[in-house]
Amino acid sequence: MVGMMNAKQPMSKPSLINRVALVTRGAGGLGAAICGALAIEGATVIVGFNNSSKAACFGETFVIRLNQS
């Protein structure tokens, strides 16, 4: 049947290396988690924010998290 996958073959995960992701409102909560997941998978992440103090805190926290993973 067209479109059916063989259950014995695992799906390969697409690579995000050499890809760019733009995450709007990425400095807080869910957006920050999405940024982290994308970066860990190899994407270059551009973060949009509307609060400079939140963005400064995000930048420091984000670098620390990536260094720990």
Protein backbone atom coordinates (compact mmCIF):
# COMPACT_ATOMS: atom_id res chain seq x y z
CA MET A 1 0.00 0.00 0.00
CA VAL A 2 1.37 3.44 -0.90
CA GLY A 3 2.36 5.51 2.11
CA MET A 4 2.73 2.57 4.47
CA MET A 5 6.00 2.21 6.35
CA ASN A 6 7.68 -1.02 7.24
CA ALA A 7 7.36 -1.36 11.03
CA LYS A 8 10.88 -2.84 11.21
CA GLN A 9 12.54 0.31 9.83
CA PRO A 10 12.72 3.24 12.26
CA MET A 11 11.98 6.70 10.88
CA SER A 12 15.10 8.79 10.56
CA LYS A 13 15.00 12.19 12.23
CA PRO A 14 15.73 15.07 9.84
CA SER A 15 18.88 17.01 10.67
CA LEU A 16 18.66 20.70 11.54
CA ILE A 17 22.35 21.31 10.87
CA ASN A 18 22.78 24.20 8.40
CA ARG A 19 19.17 25.28 9.06
CA VAL A 20 18.01 28.55 10.61
CA ALA A 21 15.05 28.77 12.98
CA LEU A 22 13.33 32.03 13.91
CA VAL A 23 11.48 31.80 17.23
CA THR A 24 9.32 34.81 18.05
CA ARG A 25 8.73 35.45 21.77
CA GLY A 26 11.53 32.99 22.33
CA ALA A 27 12.95 34.47 25.53
CA GLY A 28 10.39 33.08 27.96
CA GLY A 29 8.88 29.78 29.03
CA LEU A 30 7.79 27.67 26.08
CA GLY A 31 9.69 29.77 23.53
CA ALA A 32 12.95 29.25 25.43
CA ALA A 33 12.35 25.50 25.55
CA ILE A 34 11.74 25.45 21.80
CA CYS A 35 14.95 27.45 21.21
CA GLY A 36 16.91 24.99 23.30
CA ALA A 37 15.51 21.96 21.50
CA LEU A 38 16.24 23.46 18.08
CA ALA A 39 19.80 24.42 19.05
CA ILE A 40 20.54 20.99 20.48
CA GLU A 41 19.44 19.47 17.17
CA GLY A 42 21.93 21.69 15.33
CA ALA A 43 19.87 24.66 14.13
CA THR A 44 21.08 28.22 14.22
CA VAL A 45 18.41 29.93 16.34
CA ILE A 46 17.33 33.54 16.00
CA VAL A 47 15.30 34.67 19.02
CA GLY A 48 12.70 37.43 18.86
CA PHE A 49 11.72 39.17 22.10
CA ASN A 50 9.98 42.32 23.30
CA ASN A 51 11.54 42.75 26.74
CA SER A 52 15.25 43.54 26.90
CA SER A 53 15.73 42.49 30.53
CA LYS A 54 14.08 39.14 29.84
CA ALA A 55 16.28 38.72 26.77
CA ALA A 56 19.47 39.40 28.73
CA CYS A 57 18.52 36.78 31.32
CA PHE A 58 17.55 34.36 28.55
CA GLY A 59 20.93 34.75 26.84
CA GLU A 60 22.89 33.88 29.96
CA THR A 61 20.64 30.95 30.86
CA PHE A 62 20.56 29.60 27.31
CA VAL A 63 24.36 29.49 27.00
CA ILE A 64 24.66 27.72 30.36
CA ARG A 65 22.03 25.11 29.36
CA LEU A 66 23.72 24.38 26.03
CA ASN A 67 27.09 23.94 27.72
CA GLN A 68 25.58 21.41 30.12
CA SER A 69 23.92 19.26 27.44
